[in-house]
Amino acid sequence: MKDDIDAGTAQCAKVLEKVRQPGRPRAIPPELETVVIDLYKIGYGYRAIAGIIKSDYHISADFSTIKRTLKRLGIMPHHGSVSKS
C-alpha cells in the first residue's frame, strides 16, 4: 500500500513539473534574444534582422516582433514627442 502511495506521489511530481505557462509562447525564443540584440547593435534594421532570423534559424518573425522584443528588453531608444521650448 505504501509503495502505491509513493508511486502516486512521484507521478504527481512529474505532472507538476510539466505545467505549461499561460498565454502564447514568444515568437523569438529567449536563446535568440542575444542574437537579435547583437544584430541591432551592429546596425541592422528590424526587417533585416527578421530576415536573418528566418533564414539562419528557421523562425518566422515579423519585423514588428523584432521591434517589440528590443523595446521589451530596453535596447531600443524610446522616441517621445519633443517639446518646443
Protein backbone atom coordinates (compact mmCIF):
# COMPACT_ATOMS: atom_id res chain seq x y z
CA MET A 1 0.00 0.00 0.00
CA LYS A 2 2.79 2.43 0.90
CA ASP A 3 4.54 1.66 -2.41
CA ASP A 4 1.35 2.64 -4.27
CA ILE A 5 1.24 5.97 -2.42
CA ASP A 6 4.94 6.66 -3.16
CA ALA A 7 4.42 5.83 -6.84
CA GLY A 8 1.40 8.13 -6.98
CA THR A 9 3.32 10.95 -5.34
CA ALA A 10 6.20 10.55 -7.78
CA GLN A 11 3.78 10.61 -10.72
CA CYS A 12 2.11 13.79 -9.39
CA ALA A 13 5.52 15.44 -9.08
CA LYS A 14 6.25 14.68 -12.75
CA VAL A 15 2.91 16.16 -13.79
CA LEU A 16 3.57 19.33 -11.77
CA GLU A 17 6.96 19.79 -13.47
CA LYS A 18 5.32 19.90 -16.91
CA VAL A 19 2.73 22.58 -16.14
CA ARG A 20 2.59 24.99 -19.05
CA GLN A 21 2.85 28.73 -18.74
CA PRO A 22 -0.35 30.62 -19.57
CA GLY A 23 -0.56 32.58 -22.79
CA ARG A 24 1.05 32.29 -26.15
CA PRO A 25 4.77 31.44 -26.33
CA ARG A 26 7.10 34.14 -27.61
CA ALA A 27 7.88 34.13 -31.34
CA ILE A 28 11.57 34.66 -30.62
CA PRO A 29 12.94 32.19 -28.06
CA PRO A 30 14.96 33.65 -25.17
CA GLU A 31 18.10 31.93 -26.54
CA LEU A 32 17.91 34.10 -29.70
CA GLU A 33 17.33 37.41 -27.93
CA THR A 34 21.10 37.95 -27.65
CA VAL A 35 21.44 37.37 -31.40
CA VAL A 36 18.75 39.99 -32.08
CA ILE A 37 20.46 42.47 -29.75
CA ASP A 38 23.87 41.89 -31.35
CA LEU A 39 22.49 42.35 -34.88
CA TYR A 40 20.71 45.55 -33.83
CA LYS A 41 23.86 46.96 -32.22
CA ILE A 42 25.86 46.16 -35.38
CA GLY A 43 23.46 48.32 -37.33
CA TYR A 44 20.91 46.00 -38.91
CA GLY A 45 17.33 47.20 -39.14
CA TYR A 46 14.21 45.39 -37.98
CA ARG A 47 13.41 43.92 -41.39
CA ALA A 48 16.99 42.74 -41.95
CA ILE A 49 17.08 41.10 -38.51
CA ALA A 50 13.75 39.37 -39.22
CA GLY A 51 15.19 38.06 -42.49
CA ILE A 52 18.33 36.76 -40.82
CA ILE A 53 16.33 35.04 -38.07
CA LYS A 54 14.14 33.42 -40.73
CA SER A 55 16.96 32.26 -42.99
CA ASP A 56 19.50 31.15 -40.38
CA TYR A 57 17.26 29.88 -37.56
CA HIS A 58 14.06 29.00 -39.50
CA ILE A 59 11.89 31.09 -37.19
CA SER A 60 9.29 33.23 -38.87
CA ALA A 61 9.15 36.55 -37.02
CA ASP A 62 7.77 39.78 -38.42
CA PHE A 63 9.81 42.99 -38.18
CA SER A 64 7.32 44.32 -35.63
CA THR A 65 8.12 41.33 -33.41
CA ILE A 66 11.80 42.31 -33.55
CA LYS A 67 10.86 45.88 -32.66
CA ARG A 68 8.71 44.77 -29.70
CA THR A 69 11.45 42.44 -28.46
CA LEU A 70 14.05 45.21 -28.48
CA LYS A 71 11.63 47.58 -26.77
CA ARG A 72 10.79 44.97 -24.09
CA LEU A 73 14.50 44.39 -23.42
CA GLY A 74 15.14 48.12 -23.12
CA ILE A 75 17.57 48.22 -26.05
CA MET A 76 15.58 50.32 -28.49
CA PRO A 77 15.58 54.05 -27.73
CA HIS A 78 12.17 55.39 -26.82
CA HIS A 79 11.17 58.24 -29.10
CA GLY A 80 8.76 60.56 -27.39
CA SER A 81 7.35 63.82 -28.55
CA VAL A 82 9.81 66.67 -28.48
CA SER A 83 8.55 69.76 -26.74
CA LYS A 84 9.33 73.13 -28.27
CA SER A 85 10.75 75.48 -25.67
